Amino acid sequence: MQRCTIGEPSGLDGYRLSSGRRFYAHGGIIGIGPDCGHHGLSEGYDGGIVVECDWDPDFLPWTPAERAELADEMIRRWTVFRQGP
């Protein structure tokens, strides 16, 4: 998973998974919780990260591998945080 530019030409505002899928994340923040939108993922401000979509027939749901890649990255980040400086 790498930072990438989605819509802001001035900087990195999203992530690209190894599959090529890109998604927006305000300030590089990805959150998870029961109040973070339809699927529990927040993009760091006031929106959600869409992983499934029943209102857009052209949207391809995230694959198990894409979900695992994001989860593994978040686990890595929380492990670093837990260990401290």
PDB file of N, CA and C in Angstrom:
ATOM      1  N   MET A   1       0.851  -1.157   0.000  1.00  0.00           N
ATOM      2  CA  MET A   1       0.000   0.000   0.000  1.00  0.00           C
ATOM      3  C   MET A   1       0.900   1.224   0.000  1.00  0.00           C
ATOM      4  N   GLN A   2       0.662   2.126  -0.957  1.00  0.00           N
ATOM      5  CA  GLN A   2       1.495   3.316  -1.103  1.00  0.00           C
ATOM      6  C   GLN A   2       0.628   4.564  -1.150  1.00  0.00           C
ATOM      7  N   ARG A   3       1.174   5.676  -0.650  1.00  0.00           N
ATOM      8  CA  ARG A   3       0.483   6.952  -0.792  1.00  0.00           C
ATOM      9  C   ARG A   3       0.459   7.323  -2.266  1.00  0.00           C
ATOM     10  N   CYS A   4      -0.611   8.004  -2.689  1.00  0.00           N
ATOM     11  CA  CYS A   4      -0.722   8.440  -4.083  1.00  0.00           C
ATOM     12  C   CYS A   4      -1.591   9.687  -4.145  1.00  0.00           C
ATOM     13  N   THR A   5      -1.658  10.289  -5.316  1.00  0.00           N
ATOM     14  CA  THR A   5      -2.500  11.456  -5.554  1.00  0.00           C
ATOM     15  C   THR A   5      -3.811  10.998  -6.178  1.00  0.00           C
ATOM     16  N   ILE A   6      -4.918  11.399  -5.566  1.00  0.00           N
ATOM     17  CA  ILE A   6      -6.243  11.074  -6.101  1.00  0.00           C
ATOM     18  C   ILE A   6      -6.814  12.284  -6.835  1.00  0.00           C
ATOM     19  N   GLY A   7      -6.964  13.406  -6.132  1.00  0.00           N
ATOM     20  CA  GLY A   7      -7.566  14.572  -6.752  1.00  0.00           C
ATOM     21  C   GLY A   7      -6.859  15.873  -6.475  1.00  0.00           C
ATOM     22  N   GLU A   8      -5.975  15.880  -5.514  1.00  0.00           N
ATOM     23  CA  GLU A   8      -5.265  17.099  -5.144  1.00  0.00           C
ATOM     24  C   GLU A   8      -3.893  17.109  -5.806  1.00  0.00           C
ATOM     25  N   PRO A   9      -3.684  17.947  -6.818  1.00  0.00           N
ATOM     26  CA  PRO A   9      -2.389  17.958  -7.499  1.00  0.00           C
ATOM     27  C   PRO A   9      -1.242  18.430  -6.601  1.00  0.00           C
ATOM     28  N   SER A  10      -1.591  19.035  -5.459  1.00  0.00           N
ATOM     29  CA  SER A  10      -0.551  19.589  -4.597  1.00  0.00           C
ATOM     30  C   SER A  10       0.070  18.565  -3.652  1.00  0.00           C
ATOM     31  N   GLY A  11      -0.455  17.351  -3.618  1.00  0.00           N
ATOM     32  CA  GLY A  11       0.139  16.402  -2.684  1.00  0.00           C
ATOM     33  C   GLY A  11      -0.531  15.052  -2.676  1.00  0.00           C
ATOM     34  N   LEU A  12      -0.037  14.212  -1.791  1.00  0.00           N
ATOM     35  CA  LEU A  12      -0.559  12.865  -1.653  1.00  0.00           C
ATOM     36  C   LEU A  12      -1.835  12.915  -0.817  1.00  0.00           C
ATOM     37  N   ASP A  13      -2.930  12.425  -1.363  1.00  0.00           N
ATOM     38  CA  ASP A  13      -4.196  12.487  -0.647  1.00  0.00           C
ATOM     39  C   ASP A  13      -4.930  11.151  -0.641  1.00  0.00           C
ATOM     40  N   GLY A  14      -4.227  10.100  -0.965  1.00  0.00           N
ATOM     41  CA  GLY A  14      -4.877   8.795  -0.977  1.00  0.00           C
ATOM     42  C   GLY A  14      -3.861   7.681  -0.918  1.00  0.00           C
ATOM     43  N   TYR A  15      -4.344   6.485  -1.163  1.00  0.00           N
ATOM     44  CA  TYR A  15      -3.497   5.296  -1.157  1.00  0.00           C
ATOM     45  C   TYR A  15      -3.785   4.455  -2.390  1.00  0.00           C
ATOM     46  N   ARG A  16      -2.786   3.708  -2.800  1.00  0.00           N
ATOM     47  CA  ARG A  16      -2.938   2.754  -3.904  1.00  0.00           C
ATOM     48  C   ARG A  16      -2.566   1.382  -3.358  1.00  0.00           C
ATOM     49  N   LEU A  17      -3.485   0.437  -3.527  1.00  0.00           N
ATOM     50  CA  LEU A  17      -3.224  -0.940  -3.124  1.00  0.00           C
ATOM     51  C   LEU A  17      -2.432  -1.646  -4.218  1.00  0.00           C
ATOM     52  N   SER A  18      -1.857  -2.786  -3.898  1.00  0.00           N
ATOM     53  CA  SER A  18      -1.056  -3.508  -4.892  1.00  0.00           C
ATOM     54  C   SER A  18      -1.896  -3.948  -6.088  1.00  0.00           C
ATOM     55  N   SER A  19      -3.215  -4.040  -5.914  1.00  0.00           N
ATOM     56  CA  SER A  19      -4.115  -4.397  -7.016  1.00  0.00           C
ATOM     57  C   SER A  19      -4.280  -3.251  -8.008  1.00  0.00           C
ATOM     58  N   GLY A  20      -3.872  -2.045  -7.591  1.00  0.00           N
ATOM     59  CA  GLY A  20      -4.076  -0.856  -8.412  1.00  0.00           C
ATOM     60  C   GLY A  20      -5.238  -0.004  -7.931  1.00  0.00           C
ATOM     61  N   ARG A  21      -6.086  -0.537  -7.079  1.00  0.00           N
ATOM     62  CA  ARG A  21      -7.219   0.237  -6.555  1.00  0.00           C
ATOM     63  C   ARG A  21      -6.681   1.414  -5.745  1.00  0.00           C
ATOM     64  N   ARG A  22      -7.294   2.575  -5.970  1.00  0.00           N
ATOM     65  CA  ARG A  22      -6.915   3.777  -5.236  1.00  0.00           C
ATOM     66  C   ARG A  22      -8.118   4.257  -4.442  1.00  0.00           C
ATOM     67  N   PHE A  23      -7.841   4.858  -3.279  1.00  0.00           N
ATOM     68  CA  PHE A  23      -8.920   5.430  -2.484  1.00  0.00           C
ATOM     69  C   PHE A  23      -8.432   6.669  -1.759  1.00  0.00           C
ATOM     70  N   TYR A  24      -9.350   7.589  -1.538  1.00  0.00           N
ATOM     71  CA  TYR A  24      -9.056   8.862  -0.890  1.00  0.00           C
ATOM     72  C   TYR A  24      -8.946   8.664   0.613  1.00  0.00           C
ATOM     73  N   ALA A  25      -8.008   9.393   1.234  1.00  0.00           N
ATOM     74  CA  ALA A  25      -7.874   9.416   2.689  1.00  0.00           C
ATOM     75  C   ALA A  25      -7.357  10.788   3.094  1.00  0.00           C
ATOM     76  N   HIS A  26      -8.233  11.621   3.601  1.00  0.00           N
ATOM     77  CA  HIS A  26      -7.895  12.989   4.000  1.00  0.00           C
ATOM     78  C   HIS A  26      -6.752  12.971   5.006  1.00  0.00           C
ATOM     79  N   GLY A  27      -5.674  13.654   4.676  1.00  0.00           N
ATOM     80  CA  GLY A  27      -4.517  13.714   5.560  1.00  0.00           C
ATOM     81  C   GLY A  27      -3.835  12.371   5.765  1.00  0.00           C
ATOM     82  N   GLY A  28      -4.126  11.415   4.884  1.00  0.00           N
ATOM     83  CA  GLY A  28      -3.531  10.090   5.022  1.00  0.00           C
ATOM     84  C   GLY A  28      -4.151   9.259   6.129  1.00  0.00           C
ATOM     85  N   ILE A  29      -5.277   9.732   6.675  1.00  0.00           N
ATOM     86  CA  ILE A  29      -5.892   9.080   7.825  1.00  0.00           C
ATOM     87  C   ILE A  29      -6.909   8.035   7.371  1.00  0.00           C
ATOM     88  N   ILE A  30      -6.809   6.864   7.962  1.00  0.00           N
ATOM     89  CA  ILE A  30      -7.781   5.794   7.758  1.00  0.00           C
ATOM     90  C   ILE A  30      -8.267   5.401   9.146  1.00  0.00           C
ATOM     91  N   GLY A  31      -9.560   5.437   9.354  1.00  0.00           N
ATOM     92  CA  GLY A  31     -10.114   5.080  10.650  1.00  0.00           C
ATOM     93  C   GLY A  31     -11.111   3.949  10.518  1.00  0.00           C
ATOM     94  N   ILE A  32     -11.348   3.279  11.627  1.00  0.00           N
ATOM     95  CA  ILE A  32     -12.326   2.204  11.638  1.00  0.00           C
ATOM     96  C   ILE A  32     -13.127   2.299  12.929  1.00  0.00           C
ATOM     97  N   GLY A  33     -14.415   2.122  12.832  1.00  0.00           N
ATOM     98  CA  GLY A  33     -15.257   2.191  14.015  1.00  0.00           C
ATOM     99  C   GLY A  33     -16.719   2.069  13.661  1.00  0.00           C
ATOM    100  N   PRO A  34     -17.561   1.846  14.653  1.00  0.00           N
ATOM    101  CA  PRO A  34     -18.981   1.634  14.394  1.00  0.00           C
ATOM    102  C   PRO A  34     -19.703   2.869  13.876  1.00  0.00           C
ATOM    103  N   ASP A  35     -19.148   4.046  14.080  1.00  0.00           N
ATOM    104  CA  ASP A  35     -19.798   5.275  13.630  1.00  0.00           C
ATOM    105  C   ASP A  35     -19.109   5.897  12.424  1.00  0.00           C
ATOM    106  N   CYS A  36     -18.336   5.122  11.692  1.00  0.00           N
ATOM    107  CA  CYS A  36     -17.547   5.639  10.565  1.00  0.00           C
ATOM    108  C   CYS A  36     -18.175   5.303   9.218  1.00  0.00           C
ATOM    109  N   GLY A  37     -19.449   5.517   9.087  1.00  0.00           N
ATOM    110  CA  GLY A  37     -20.080   5.303   7.796  1.00  0.00           C
ATOM    111  C   GLY A  37     -20.612   3.909   7.599  1.00  0.00           C
ATOM    112  N   HIS A  38     -21.092   3.663   6.409  1.00  0.00           N
ATOM    113  CA  HIS A  38     -21.800   2.442   6.056  1.00  0.00           C
ATOM    114  C   HIS A  38     -20.997   1.173   6.319  1.00  0.00           C
ATOM    115  N   HIS A  39     -19.705   1.202   6.069  1.00  0.00           N
ATOM    116  CA  HIS A  39     -18.894  -0.010   6.228  1.00  0.00           C
ATOM    117  C   HIS A  39     -17.863   0.106   7.341  1.00  0.00           C
ATOM    118  N   GLY A  40     -17.975   1.149   8.163  1.00  0.00           N
ATOM    119  CA  GLY A  40     -17.099   1.267   9.310  1.00  0.00           C
ATOM    120  C   GLY A  40     -15.718   1.825   9.031  1.00  0.00           C
ATOM    121  N   LEU A  41     -15.469   2.322   7.811  1.00  0.00           N
ATOM    122  CA  LEU A  41     -14.165   2.889   7.479  1.00  0.00           C
ATOM    123  C   LEU A  41     -14.303   4.385   7.217  1.00  0.00           C
ATOM    124  N   SER A  42     -13.434   5.161   7.841  1.00  0.00           N
ATOM    125  CA  SER A  42     -13.428   6.601   7.659  1.00  0.00           C
ATOM    126  C   SER A  42     -12.215   7.010   6.837  1.00  0.00           C
ATOM    127  N   GLU A  43     -12.386   8.076   6.046  1.00  0.00           N
ATOM    128  CA  GLU A  43     -11.266   8.592   5.272  1.00  0.00           C
ATOM    129  C   GLU A  43     -10.626   9.786   5.957  1.00  0.00           C
ATOM    130  N   GLY A  44     -10.849   9.951   7.245  1.00  0.00           N
ATOM    131  CA  GLY A  44     -10.127  10.945   8.009  1.00  0.00           C
ATOM    132  C   GLY A  44     -10.807  12.281   8.203  1.00  0.00           C
ATOM    133  N   TYR A  45     -11.922  12.538   7.537  1.00  0.00           N
ATOM    134  CA  TYR A  45     -12.603  13.815   7.746  1.00  0.00           C
ATOM    135  C   TYR A  45     -14.074  13.551   7.996  1.00  0.00           C
ATOM    136  N   ASP A  46     -14.891  13.616   6.966  1.00  0.00           N
ATOM    137  CA  ASP A  46     -16.321  13.401   7.173  1.00  0.00           C
ATOM    138  C   ASP A  46     -16.913  12.410   6.183  1.00  0.00           C
ATOM    139  N   GLY A  47     -16.069  11.613   5.569  1.00  0.00           N
ATOM    140  CA  GLY A  47     -16.560  10.650   4.601  1.00  0.00           C
ATOM    141  C   GLY A  47     -16.092   9.253   4.916  1.00  0.00           C
ATOM    142  N   GLY A  48     -16.610   8.321   4.162  1.00  0.00           N
ATOM    143  CA  GLY A  48     -16.232   6.932   4.354  1.00  0.00           C
ATOM    144  C   GLY A  48     -15.471   6.390   3.155  1.00  0.00           C
ATOM    145  N   ILE A  49     -14.789   5.291   3.383  1.00  0.00           N
ATOM    146  CA  ILE A  49     -14.104   4.575   2.308  1.00  0.00           C
ATOM    147  C   ILE A  49     -15.057   3.476   1.850  1.00  0.00           C
ATOM    148  N   VAL A  50     -15.463   3.534   0.612  1.00  0.00           N
ATOM    149  CA  VAL A  50     -16.443   2.590   0.090  1.00  0.00           C
ATOM    150  C   VAL A  50     -15.745   1.290  -0.311  1.00  0.00           C
ATOM    151  N   VAL A  51     -16.158   0.194   0.312  1.00  0.00           N
ATOM    152  CA  VAL A  51     -15.594  -1.112  -0.019  1.00  0.00           C
ATOM    153  C   VAL A  51     -16.633  -2.020  -0.673  1.00  0.00           C
ATOM    154  N   GLU A  52     -17.909  -1.689  -0.471  1.00  0.00           N
ATOM    155  CA  GLU A  52     -19.024  -2.374  -1.125  1.00  0.00           C
ATOM    156  C   GLU A  52     -20.027  -1.299  -1.509  1.00  0.00           C
ATOM    157  N   CYS A  53     -20.745  -1.532  -2.580  1.00  0.00           N
ATOM    158  CA  CYS A  53     -21.661  -0.488  -3.045  1.00  0.00           C
ATOM    159  C   CYS A  53     -22.839  -1.125  -3.760  1.00  0.00           C
ATOM    160  N   ASP A  54     -24.034  -0.996  -3.184  1.00  0.00           N
ATOM    161  CA  ASP A  54     -25.210  -1.565  -3.828  1.00  0.00           C
ATOM    162  C   ASP A  54     -25.980  -0.545  -4.662  1.00  0.00           C
ATOM    163  N   TRP A  55     -25.495   0.715  -4.706  1.00  0.00           N
ATOM    164  CA  TRP A  55     -26.185   1.740  -5.478  1.00  0.00           C
ATOM    165  C   TRP A  55     -25.483   2.078  -6.792  1.00  0.00           C
ATOM    166  N   ASP A  56     -24.293   1.527  -7.023  1.00  0.00           N
ATOM    167  CA  ASP A  56     -23.552   1.786  -8.262  1.00  0.00           C
ATOM    168  C   ASP A  56     -23.214   0.447  -8.913  1.00  0.00           C
ATOM    169  N   PRO A  57     -23.911   0.088  -9.987  1.00  0.00           N
ATOM    170  CA  PRO A  57     -23.680  -1.218 -10.601  1.00  0.00           C
ATOM    171  C   PRO A  57     -22.286  -1.385 -11.209  1.00  0.00           C
ATOM    172  N   ASP A  58     -21.570  -0.294 -11.442  1.00  0.00           N
ATOM    173  CA  ASP A  58     -20.231  -0.369 -12.018  1.00  0.00           C
ATOM    174  C   ASP A  58     -19.126  -0.495 -10.966  1.00  0.00           C
ATOM    175  N   PHE A  59     -19.481  -0.327  -9.682  1.00  0.00           N
ATOM    176  CA  PHE A  59     -18.482  -0.395  -8.624  1.00  0.00           C
ATOM    177  C   PHE A  59     -18.099  -1.852  -8.376  1.00  0.00           C
ATOM    178  N   LEU A  60     -16.801  -2.105  -8.335  1.00  0.00           N
ATOM    179  CA  LEU A  60     -16.317  -3.447  -8.024  1.00  0.00           C
ATOM    180  C   LEU A  60     -15.979  -3.511  -6.538  1.00  0.00           C
ATOM    181  N   PRO A  61     -16.651  -4.384  -5.785  1.00  0.00           N
ATOM    182  CA  PRO A  61     -16.364  -4.493  -4.353  1.00  0.00           C
ATOM    183  C   PRO A  61     -14.906  -4.865  -4.110  1.00  0.00           C
ATOM    184  N   TRP A  62     -14.407  -4.461  -2.962  1.00  0.00           N
ATOM    185  CA  TRP A  62     -13.041  -4.828  -2.590  1.00  0.00           C
ATOM    186  C   TRP A  62     -12.934  -6.341  -2.488  1.00  0.00           C
ATOM    187  N   THR A  63     -11.832  -6.859  -2.953  1.00  0.00           N
ATOM    188  CA  THR A  63     -11.585  -8.295  -2.874  1.00  0.00           C
ATOM    189  C   THR A  63     -11.079  -8.652  -1.470  1.00  0.00           C
ATOM    190  N   PRO A  64     -11.145  -9.923  -1.093  1.00  0.00           N
ATOM    191  CA  PRO A  64     -10.557 -10.324   0.182  1.00  0.00           C
ATOM    192  C   PRO A  64      -9.074  -9.943   0.286  1.00  0.00           C
ATOM    193  N   ALA A  65      -8.343 -10.031  -0.817  1.00  0.00           N
ATOM    194  CA  ALA A  65      -6.921  -9.665  -0.799  1.00  0.00           C
ATOM    195  C   ALA A  65      -6.738  -8.167  -0.546  1.00  0.00           C
ATOM    196  N   GLU A  66      -7.596  -7.326  -1.124  1.00  0.00           N
ATOM    197  CA  GLU A  66      -7.507  -5.877  -0.893  1.00  0.00           C
ATOM    198  C   GLU A  66      -7.833  -5.543   0.556  1.00  0.00           C
ATOM    199  N   ARG A  67      -8.862  -6.187   1.090  1.00  0.00           N
ATOM    200  CA  ARG A  67      -9.219  -5.974   2.500  1.00  0.00           C
ATOM    201  C   ARG A  67      -8.063  -6.394   3.405  1.00  0.00           C
ATOM    202  N   ALA A  68      -7.463  -7.539   3.084  1.00  0.00           N
ATOM    203  CA  ALA A  68      -6.339  -8.043   3.893  1.00  0.00           C
ATOM    204  C   ALA A  68      -5.150  -7.097   3.823  1.00  0.00           C
ATOM    205  N   GLU A  69      -4.884  -6.535   2.649  1.00  0.00           N
ATOM    206  CA  GLU A  69      -3.746  -5.621   2.504  1.00  0.00           C
ATOM    207  C   GLU A  69      -3.934  -4.383   3.382  1.00  0.00           C
ATOM    208  N   LEU A  70      -5.141  -3.812   3.374  1.00  0.00           N
ATOM    209  CA  LEU A  70      -5.401  -2.652   4.220  1.00  0.00           C
ATOM    210  C   LEU A  70      -5.323  -3.047   5.700  1.00  0.00           C
ATOM    211  N   ALA A  71      -5.943  -4.157   6.064  1.00  0.00           N
ATOM    212  CA  ALA A  71      -5.917  -4.598   7.463  1.00  0.00           C
ATOM    213  C   ALA A  71      -4.489  -4.854   7.936  1.00  0.00           C
ATOM    214  N   ASP A  72      -3.690  -5.495   7.123  1.00  0.00           N
ATOM    215  CA  ASP A  72      -2.303  -5.770   7.502  1.00  0.00           C
ATOM    216  C   ASP A  72      -1.515  -4.475   7.708  1.00  0.00           C
ATOM    217  N   GLU A  73      -1.757  -3.479   6.871  1.00  0.00           N
ATOM    218  CA  GLU A  73      -1.073  -2.195   7.030  1.00  0.00           C
ATOM    219  C   GLU A  73      -1.508  -1.503   8.321  1.00  0.00           C
ATOM    220  N   MET A  74      -2.790  -1.552   8.623  1.00  0.00           N
ATOM    221  CA  MET A  74      -3.274  -0.922   9.847  1.00  0.00           C
ATOM    222  C   MET A  74      -2.742  -1.653  11.084  1.00  0.00           C
ATOM    223  N   ILE A  75      -2.673  -2.968  11.029  1.00  0.00           N
ATOM    224  CA  ILE A  75      -2.096  -3.744  12.132  1.00  0.00           C
ATOM    225  C   ILE A  75      -0.635  -3.353  12.328  1.00  0.00           C
ATOM    226  N   ARG A  76       0.091  -3.207  11.224  1.00  0.00           N
ATOM    227  CA  ARG A  76       1.491  -2.799  11.304  1.00  0.00           C
ATOM    228  C   ARG A  76       1.618  -1.438  11.979  1.00  0.00           C
ATOM    229  N   ARG A  77       0.772  -0.488  11.592  1.00  0.00           N
ATOM    230  CA  ARG A  77       0.837   0.865  12.152  1.00  0.00           C
ATOM    231  C   ARG A  77       0.510   0.857  13.649  1.00  0.00           C
ATOM    232  N   TRP A  78      -0.519   0.115  14.030  1.00  0.00           N
ATOM    233  CA  TRP A  78      -0.889   0.067  15.448  1.00  0.00           C
ATOM    234  C   TRP A  78       0.175  -0.653  16.271  1.00  0.00           C
ATOM    235  N   THR A  79       0.838  -1.627  15.686  1.00  0.00           N
ATOM    236  CA  THR A  79       1.923  -2.320  16.392  1.00  0.00           C
ATOM    237  C   THR A  79       3.075  -1.376  16.667  1.00  0.00           C
ATOM    238  N   VAL A  80       3.434  -0.556  15.690  1.00  0.00           N
ATOM    239  CA  VAL A  80       4.483   0.445  15.875  1.00  0.00           C
ATOM    240  C   VAL A  80       4.077   1.426  16.969  1.00  0.00           C
ATOM    241  N   PHE A  81       2.831   1.874  16.940  1.00  0.00           N
ATOM    242  CA  PHE A  81       2.340   2.806  17.946  1.00  0.00           C
ATOM    243  C   PHE A  81       2.392   2.175  19.345  1.00  0.00           C
ATOM    244  N   ARG A  82       1.958   0.942  19.434  1.00  0.00           N
ATOM    245  CA  ARG A  82       1.932   0.245  20.716  1.00  0.00           C
ATOM    246  C   ARG A  82       3.332   0.107  21.320  1.00  0.00           C
ATOM    247  N   GLN A  83       4.303  -0.159  20.475  1.00  0.00           N
ATOM    248  CA  GLN A  83       5.671  -0.340  20.947  1.00  0.00           C
ATOM    249  C   GLN A  83       6.297   0.957  21.440  1.00  0.00           C
ATOM    250  N   GLY A  84       5.802   2.088  20.938  1.00  0.00           N
ATOM    251  CA  GLY A  84       6.312   3.384  21.366  1.00  0.00           C
ATOM    252  C   GLY A  84       7.667   3.717  20.764  1.00  0.00           C
ATOM    253  N   PRO A  85       8.189   4.880  21.199  1.00  0.00           N
ATOM    254  CA  PRO A  85       9.460   5.347  20.626  1.00  0.00           C
ATOM    255  C   PRO A  85      10.649   4.475  21.013  1.00  0.00           C
TER     256      PRO A  85
END
